[in-house]
């Protein structure tokens, strides 16, 4: 998943955060191919816990300030992601790191973020940038 102009919202703060996330996802993929992913799962989960606290708060504040009507649906997606991340963390804590978990984490993160940015985030951009 490469960053390109399709992912840009035009809101520099959000785009900057998204680019940082893409760099981390790319690093996880490189770690998968080099055999280090099992060691990096804990770091990625920790990064995401910090990242979503900041990113989701920033995004939700922008939406609230702009009076975006779909705010509730958008926030619900954020909550769903937080639950998915908690589930991965619980699995990691119970079973430890393995290649299967690393591959699933990589695949699900990429799928969720691509869908969220290209579909959900894009819905509110026109209302924010008036």
N, C-alpha and C. Protein backbone atom coordinates (compact mmCIF):
# COMPACT_ATOMS: atom_id res chain seq x y z
N UNK A 1 0.86 -1.17 0.00
CA UNK A 1 0.00 0.00 0.00
C UNK A 1 0.89 1.22 0.00
N UNK A 2 0.96 1.89 -1.12
CA UNK A 2 1.82 3.05 -1.26
C UNK A 2 0.99 4.33 -1.12
N UNK A 3 1.56 5.31 -0.44
CA UNK A 3 0.90 6.60 -0.33
C UNK A 3 0.85 7.23 -1.72
N UNK A 4 -0.30 7.74 -2.08
CA UNK A 4 -0.44 8.48 -3.33
C UNK A 4 -1.52 9.54 -3.15
N UNK A 5 -1.72 10.34 -4.16
CA UNK A 5 -2.64 11.47 -4.03
C UNK A 5 -4.07 11.05 -3.75
N UNK A 6 -4.45 9.84 -4.07
CA UNK A 6 -5.81 9.36 -3.77
C UNK A 6 -6.09 9.34 -2.28
N UNK A 7 -5.04 9.18 -1.48
CA UNK A 7 -5.21 9.12 -0.04
C UNK A 7 -5.23 10.50 0.61
N UNK A 8 -4.88 11.52 -0.14
CA UNK A 8 -4.80 12.86 0.43
C UNK A 8 -6.19 13.43 0.71
N UNK A 9 -6.31 14.02 1.89
CA UNK A 9 -7.56 14.67 2.27
C UNK A 9 -7.50 16.17 2.00
N UNK A 10 -6.29 16.69 1.89
CA UNK A 10 -6.12 18.13 1.77
C UNK A 10 -6.04 18.83 3.11
N UNK A 11 -6.13 18.06 4.17
CA UNK A 11 -5.98 18.58 5.53
C UNK A 11 -4.60 18.11 5.99
N UNK A 12 -3.64 19.03 6.03
CA UNK A 12 -2.24 18.66 6.23
C UNK A 12 -2.03 17.85 7.51
N UNK A 13 -2.67 18.22 8.58
CA UNK A 13 -2.49 17.50 9.85
C UNK A 13 -2.89 16.04 9.69
N UNK A 14 -4.02 15.80 9.05
CA UNK A 14 -4.52 14.43 8.85
C UNK A 14 -3.64 13.69 7.85
N UNK A 15 -3.30 14.35 6.75
CA UNK A 15 -2.44 13.70 5.75
C UNK A 15 -1.08 13.34 6.33
N UNK A 16 -0.53 14.19 7.14
CA UNK A 16 0.77 13.92 7.77
C UNK A 16 0.68 12.70 8.67
N UNK A 17 -0.39 12.62 9.43
CA UNK A 17 -0.58 11.45 10.30
C UNK A 17 -0.77 10.19 9.48
N UNK A 18 -1.54 10.29 8.41
CA UNK A 18 -1.74 9.12 7.54
C UNK A 18 -0.42 8.66 6.92
N UNK A 19 0.40 9.62 6.48
CA UNK A 19 1.70 9.25 5.89
C UNK A 19 2.58 8.54 6.92
N UNK A 20 2.55 8.99 8.17
CA UNK A 20 3.31 8.32 9.23
C UNK A 20 2.82 6.89 9.39
N UNK A 21 1.52 6.70 9.39
CA UNK A 21 0.94 5.36 9.50
C UNK A 21 1.39 4.48 8.34
N UNK A 22 1.37 5.01 7.14
CA UNK A 22 1.80 4.23 5.97
C UNK A 22 3.26 3.80 6.11
N UNK A 23 4.11 4.69 6.63
CA UNK A 23 5.52 4.32 6.83
C UNK A 23 5.63 3.14 7.80
N UNK A 24 4.83 3.16 8.85
CA UNK A 24 4.86 2.06 9.83
C UNK A 24 4.33 0.77 9.21
N UNK A 25 3.28 0.87 8.41
CA UNK A 25 2.75 -0.32 7.74
C UNK A 25 3.76 -0.88 6.75
N UNK A 26 4.45 -0.01 6.05
CA UNK A 26 5.50 -0.47 5.13
C UNK A 26 6.62 -1.16 5.90
N UNK A 27 6.96 -0.63 7.06
CA UNK A 27 8.02 -1.25 7.87
C UNK A 27 7.58 -2.63 8.35
N UNK A 28 6.31 -2.75 8.76
CA UNK A 28 5.81 -4.06 9.17
C UNK A 28 5.90 -5.06 8.02
N UNK A 29 5.55 -4.62 6.83
CA UNK A 29 5.64 -5.51 5.67
C UNK A 29 7.09 -5.93 5.41
N UNK A 30 8.01 -4.99 5.48
CA UNK A 30 9.44 -5.32 5.32
C UNK A 30 9.88 -6.30 6.39
N UNK A 31 9.40 -6.11 7.61
CA UNK A 31 9.74 -7.02 8.70
C UNK A 31 9.19 -8.42 8.45
N UNK A 32 8.01 -8.49 7.82
CA UNK A 32 7.45 -9.80 7.47
C UNK A 32 8.39 -10.55 6.54
N UNK A 33 8.89 -9.86 5.52
CA UNK A 33 9.74 -10.50 4.54
C UNK A 33 11.13 -10.82 5.08
N UNK A 34 11.56 -10.10 6.09
CA UNK A 34 12.90 -10.34 6.63
C UNK A 34 12.88 -11.27 7.84
N UNK A 35 11.68 -11.72 8.24
CA UNK A 35 11.59 -12.64 9.36
C UNK A 35 11.58 -11.97 10.73
N UNK A 36 11.47 -10.64 10.77
CA UNK A 36 11.48 -9.93 12.05
C UNK A 36 10.09 -9.53 12.53
N UNK A 37 9.07 -9.86 11.78
CA UNK A 37 7.73 -9.38 12.11
C UNK A 37 7.26 -9.83 13.49
N UNK A 38 7.60 -11.06 13.85
CA UNK A 38 7.17 -11.55 15.17
C UNK A 38 7.70 -10.65 16.27
N UNK A 39 8.91 -10.15 16.10
CA UNK A 39 9.51 -9.27 17.10
C UNK A 39 8.91 -7.87 17.08
N UNK A 40 8.35 -7.50 15.95
CA UNK A 40 7.85 -6.13 15.77
C UNK A 40 6.37 -5.97 16.08
N UNK A 41 5.66 -7.06 16.29
CA UNK A 41 4.22 -6.98 16.55
C UNK A 41 3.93 -6.10 17.77
N UNK A 42 4.64 -6.33 18.84
CA UNK A 42 4.40 -5.55 20.06
C UNK A 42 4.65 -4.06 19.82
N UNK A 43 5.71 -3.75 19.08
CA UNK A 43 5.99 -2.34 18.76
C UNK A 43 4.87 -1.73 17.93
N UNK A 44 4.38 -2.49 16.96
CA UNK A 44 3.32 -1.98 16.09
C UNK A 44 2.04 -1.75 16.89
N UNK A 45 1.69 -2.67 17.76
CA UNK A 45 0.49 -2.50 18.57
C UNK A 45 0.64 -1.27 19.47
N UNK A 46 1.80 -1.10 20.07
CA UNK A 46 2.05 0.08 20.91
C UNK A 46 1.96 1.37 20.10
N UNK A 47 2.57 1.37 18.92
CA UNK A 47 2.49 2.54 18.05
C UNK A 47 1.03 2.86 17.74
N UNK A 48 0.26 1.85 17.36
CA UNK A 48 -1.13 2.08 16.98
C UNK A 48 -1.97 2.58 18.14
N UNK A 49 -1.71 2.08 19.33
CA UNK A 49 -2.45 2.58 20.49
C UNK A 49 -2.22 4.08 20.67
N UNK A 50 -0.99 4.51 20.56
CA UNK A 50 -0.69 5.94 20.68
C UNK A 50 -1.24 6.71 19.48
N UNK A 51 -1.03 6.16 18.31
CA UNK A 51 -1.43 6.83 17.07
C UNK A 51 -2.93 7.11 17.05
N UNK A 52 -3.73 6.09 17.33
CA UNK A 52 -5.18 6.28 17.21
C UNK A 52 -5.72 7.25 18.26
N UNK A 53 -5.10 7.29 19.41
CA UNK A 53 -5.54 8.27 20.41
C UNK A 53 -5.42 9.68 19.85
N UNK A 54 -4.31 9.97 19.23
CA UNK A 54 -4.09 11.30 18.66
C UNK A 54 -4.88 11.48 17.37
N UNK A 55 -4.72 10.55 16.44
CA UNK A 55 -5.33 10.71 15.12
C UNK A 55 -6.86 10.76 15.19
N UNK A 56 -7.46 9.81 15.88
CA UNK A 56 -8.92 9.79 15.94
C UNK A 56 -9.45 11.03 16.66
N UNK A 57 -8.78 11.47 17.72
CA UNK A 57 -9.20 12.70 18.41
C UNK A 57 -9.12 13.89 17.46
N UNK A 58 -8.02 14.01 16.73
CA UNK A 58 -7.85 15.14 15.80
C UNK A 58 -8.93 15.11 14.71
N UNK A 59 -9.14 13.93 14.15
CA UNK A 59 -10.11 13.80 13.07
C UNK A 59 -11.52 14.10 13.57
N UNK A 60 -11.87 13.59 14.72
CA UNK A 60 -13.20 13.81 15.27
C UNK A 60 -13.42 15.28 15.63
N UNK A 61 -12.40 15.95 16.13
CA UNK A 61 -12.51 17.37 16.45
C UNK A 61 -12.76 18.18 15.18
N UNK A 62 -12.04 17.87 14.13
CA UNK A 62 -12.24 18.56 12.85
C UNK A 62 -13.67 18.37 12.37
N UNK A 63 -14.17 17.15 12.48
CA UNK A 63 -15.53 16.86 12.03
C UNK A 63 -16.56 17.59 12.88
N UNK A 64 -16.38 17.59 14.19
CA UNK A 64 -17.32 18.28 15.08
C UNK A 64 -17.32 19.78 14.81
N UNK A 65 -16.14 20.34 14.66
CA UNK A 65 -16.03 21.78 14.39
C UNK A 65 -16.71 22.17 13.09
N UNK A 66 -16.71 21.27 12.12
CA UNK A 66 -17.33 21.53 10.82
C UNK A 66 -18.81 21.14 10.79
N UNK A 67 -19.29 20.52 11.86
CA UNK A 67 -20.70 20.12 11.91
C UNK A 67 -21.04 19.00 10.96
N UNK A 68 -20.13 18.09 10.75
CA UNK A 68 -20.35 16.96 9.84
C UNK A 68 -21.42 16.04 10.41
N UNK A 69 -22.48 15.84 9.63
CA UNK A 69 -23.62 15.05 10.10
C UNK A 69 -23.30 13.58 10.30
N UNK A 70 -22.38 13.05 9.51
CA UNK A 70 -22.04 11.62 9.60
C UNK A 70 -21.05 11.33 10.73
N UNK A 71 -20.87 12.26 11.63
CA UNK A 71 -19.89 12.11 12.70
C UNK A 71 -20.11 10.82 13.48
N UNK A 72 -21.33 10.51 13.84
CA UNK A 72 -21.62 9.32 14.64
C UNK A 72 -21.19 8.04 13.96
N UNK A 73 -21.48 7.93 12.67
CA UNK A 73 -21.08 6.74 11.91
C UNK A 73 -19.56 6.64 11.82
N UNK A 74 -18.93 7.79 11.62
CA UNK A 74 -17.47 7.83 11.52
C UNK A 74 -16.83 7.41 12.84
N UNK A 75 -17.36 7.96 13.92
CA UNK A 75 -16.83 7.63 15.25
C UNK A 75 -17.02 6.14 15.54
N UNK A 76 -18.13 5.58 15.08
CA UNK A 76 -18.38 4.15 15.28
C UNK A 76 -17.30 3.31 14.59
N UNK A 77 -16.87 3.73 13.41
CA UNK A 77 -15.79 3.02 12.73
C UNK A 77 -14.50 3.11 13.54
N UNK A 78 -14.25 4.26 14.12
CA UNK A 78 -13.06 4.40 14.97
C UNK A 78 -13.14 3.44 16.15
N UNK A 79 -14.31 3.34 16.76
CA UNK A 79 -14.48 2.42 17.89
C UNK A 79 -14.27 0.97 17.44
N UNK A 80 -14.76 0.64 16.25
CA UNK A 80 -14.56 -0.71 15.72
C UNK A 80 -13.07 -1.02 15.53
N UNK A 81 -12.32 -0.03 15.05
CA UNK A 81 -10.89 -0.24 14.88
C UNK A 81 -10.23 -0.44 16.24
N UNK A 82 -10.62 0.36 17.23
CA UNK A 82 -10.03 0.22 18.56
C UNK A 82 -10.29 -1.18 19.12
N UNK A 83 -11.49 -1.71 18.86
CA UNK A 83 -11.80 -3.07 19.32
C UNK A 83 -10.95 -4.10 18.59
N UNK A 84 -10.79 -3.93 17.29
CA UNK A 84 -9.95 -4.84 16.52
C UNK A 84 -8.52 -4.84 17.07
N UNK A 85 -8.01 -3.65 17.38
CA UNK A 85 -6.66 -3.55 17.93
C UNK A 85 -6.57 -4.21 19.30
N UNK A 86 -7.58 -4.01 20.14
CA UNK A 86 -7.61 -4.68 21.46
C UNK A 86 -7.59 -6.20 21.29
N UNK A 87 -8.37 -6.69 20.32
CA UNK A 87 -8.42 -8.13 20.07
C UNK A 87 -7.05 -8.67 19.66
N UNK A 88 -6.35 -7.94 18.79
CA UNK A 88 -5.00 -8.35 18.40
C UNK A 88 -4.07 -8.34 19.61
N UNK A 89 -4.19 -7.34 20.43
CA UNK A 89 -3.32 -7.24 21.61
C UNK A 89 -3.57 -8.39 22.57
N UNK A 90 -4.83 -8.71 22.79
CA UNK A 90 -5.18 -9.84 23.67
C UNK A 90 -4.63 -11.14 23.12
N UNK A 91 -4.80 -11.35 21.83
CA UNK A 91 -4.26 -12.57 21.19
C UNK A 91 -2.75 -12.62 21.33
N UNK A 92 -2.09 -11.49 21.11
CA UNK A 92 -0.64 -11.42 21.25
C UNK A 92 -0.22 -11.75 22.69
N UNK A 93 -0.92 -11.18 23.66
CA UNK A 93 -0.56 -11.42 25.06
C UNK A 93 -0.81 -12.86 25.49
N UNK A 94 -1.84 -13.50 24.94
CA UNK A 94 -2.16 -14.88 25.29
C UNK A 94 -1.25 -15.90 24.60
N UNK A 95 -1.03 -15.70 23.29
CA UNK A 95 -0.34 -16.70 22.49
C UNK A 95 1.08 -16.33 22.12
N UNK A 96 1.41 -15.05 22.27
CA UNK A 96 2.72 -14.59 21.83
C UNK A 96 2.72 -14.31 20.34
N UNK A 97 3.86 -13.93 19.85
CA UNK A 97 3.99 -13.57 18.45
C UNK A 97 4.25 -14.80 17.60
N UNK A 98 3.58 -14.85 16.47
CA UNK A 98 3.90 -15.86 15.47
C UNK A 98 3.69 -15.24 14.09
N UNK A 99 4.16 -15.93 13.09
CA UNK A 99 4.07 -15.39 11.73
C UNK A 99 2.63 -15.20 11.29
N UNK A 100 1.76 -16.12 11.68
CA UNK A 100 0.36 -16.02 11.31
C UNK A 100 -0.26 -14.73 11.85
N UNK A 101 0.00 -14.42 13.11
CA UNK A 101 -0.52 -13.20 13.71
C UNK A 101 0.05 -11.98 13.00
N UNK A 102 1.31 -12.00 12.69
CA UNK A 102 1.94 -10.86 12.00
C UNK A 102 1.31 -10.64 10.62
N UNK A 103 1.08 -11.71 9.89
CA UNK A 103 0.49 -11.59 8.56
C UNK A 103 -0.95 -11.09 8.66
N UNK A 104 -1.71 -11.63 9.60
CA UNK A 104 -3.09 -11.17 9.80
C UNK A 104 -3.13 -9.71 10.20
N UNK A 105 -2.27 -9.31 11.11
CA UNK A 105 -2.21 -7.93 11.55
C UNK A 105 -1.92 -7.02 10.35
N UNK A 106 -0.92 -7.35 9.57
CA UNK A 106 -0.57 -6.56 8.40
C UNK A 106 -1.74 -6.46 7.43
N UNK A 107 -2.34 -7.58 7.11
CA UNK A 107 -3.44 -7.62 6.14
C UNK A 107 -4.65 -6.83 6.62
N UNK A 108 -5.04 -7.03 7.87
CA UNK A 108 -6.24 -6.36 8.38
C UNK A 108 -6.02 -4.86 8.57
N UNK A 109 -4.83 -4.47 8.99
CA UNK A 109 -4.55 -3.05 9.13
C UNK A 109 -4.61 -2.35 7.78
N UNK A 110 -3.96 -2.94 6.79
CA UNK A 110 -3.97 -2.33 5.45
C UNK A 110 -5.37 -2.24 4.89
N UNK A 111 -6.13 -3.28 5.02
CA UNK A 111 -7.50 -3.29 4.50
C UNK A 111 -8.36 -2.24 5.21
N UNK A 112 -8.28 -2.21 6.53
CA UNK A 112 -9.11 -1.26 7.29
C UNK A 112 -8.75 0.17 6.93
N UNK A 113 -7.46 0.50 6.95
CA UNK A 113 -7.05 1.88 6.72
C UNK A 113 -7.33 2.32 5.29
N UNK A 114 -7.10 1.45 4.32
CA UNK A 114 -7.38 1.81 2.94
C UNK A 114 -8.86 2.13 2.77
N UNK A 115 -9.72 1.27 3.27
CA UNK A 115 -11.15 1.48 3.18
C UNK A 115 -11.56 2.74 3.94
N UNK A 116 -11.02 2.92 5.13
CA UNK A 116 -11.41 4.07 5.96
C UNK A 116 -11.00 5.39 5.32
N UNK A 117 -9.79 5.47 4.84
CA UNK A 117 -9.32 6.73 4.25
C UNK A 117 -10.02 7.02 2.93
N UNK A 118 -10.06 6.03 2.04
CA UNK A 118 -10.59 6.26 0.70
C UNK A 118 -12.10 6.41 0.66
N UNK A 119 -12.79 5.81 1.60
CA UNK A 119 -14.26 5.89 1.58
C UNK A 119 -14.79 6.77 2.70
N UNK A 120 -14.53 6.41 3.92
CA UNK A 120 -15.13 7.12 5.05
C UNK A 120 -14.57 8.53 5.23
N UNK A 121 -13.25 8.66 5.24
CA UNK A 121 -12.67 9.99 5.41
C UNK A 121 -13.04 10.91 4.26
N UNK A 122 -13.07 10.39 3.06
CA UNK A 122 -13.36 11.22 1.89
C UNK A 122 -14.78 11.80 1.94
N UNK A 123 -15.69 11.15 2.66
CA UNK A 123 -17.06 11.65 2.75
C UNK A 123 -17.15 13.00 3.47
N UNK A 124 -16.31 13.21 4.46
CA UNK A 124 -16.44 14.43 5.24
C UNK A 124 -15.54 15.57 4.75
N UNK A 125 -14.61 15.30 3.88
CA UNK A 125 -13.64 16.29 3.45
C UNK A 125 -14.28 17.53 2.83
N UNK A 126 -15.25 17.34 1.94
CA UNK A 126 -15.86 18.48 1.27
C UNK A 126 -16.57 19.39 2.27
N UNK A 127 -17.10 18.84 3.33
CA UNK A 127 -17.79 19.64 4.33
C UNK A 127 -16.80 20.42 5.22
N UNK A 128 -15.66 19.84 5.43
CA UNK A 128 -14.64 20.48 6.28
C UNK A 128 -13.93 21.59 5.52
N UNK A 129 -13.74 21.43 4.24
CA UNK A 129 -12.92 22.35 3.45
C UNK A 129 -13.74 23.48 2.81
N UNK A 130 -14.95 23.73 3.28
CA UNK A 130 -15.77 24.82 2.73
C UNK A 130 -15.15 26.16 3.02
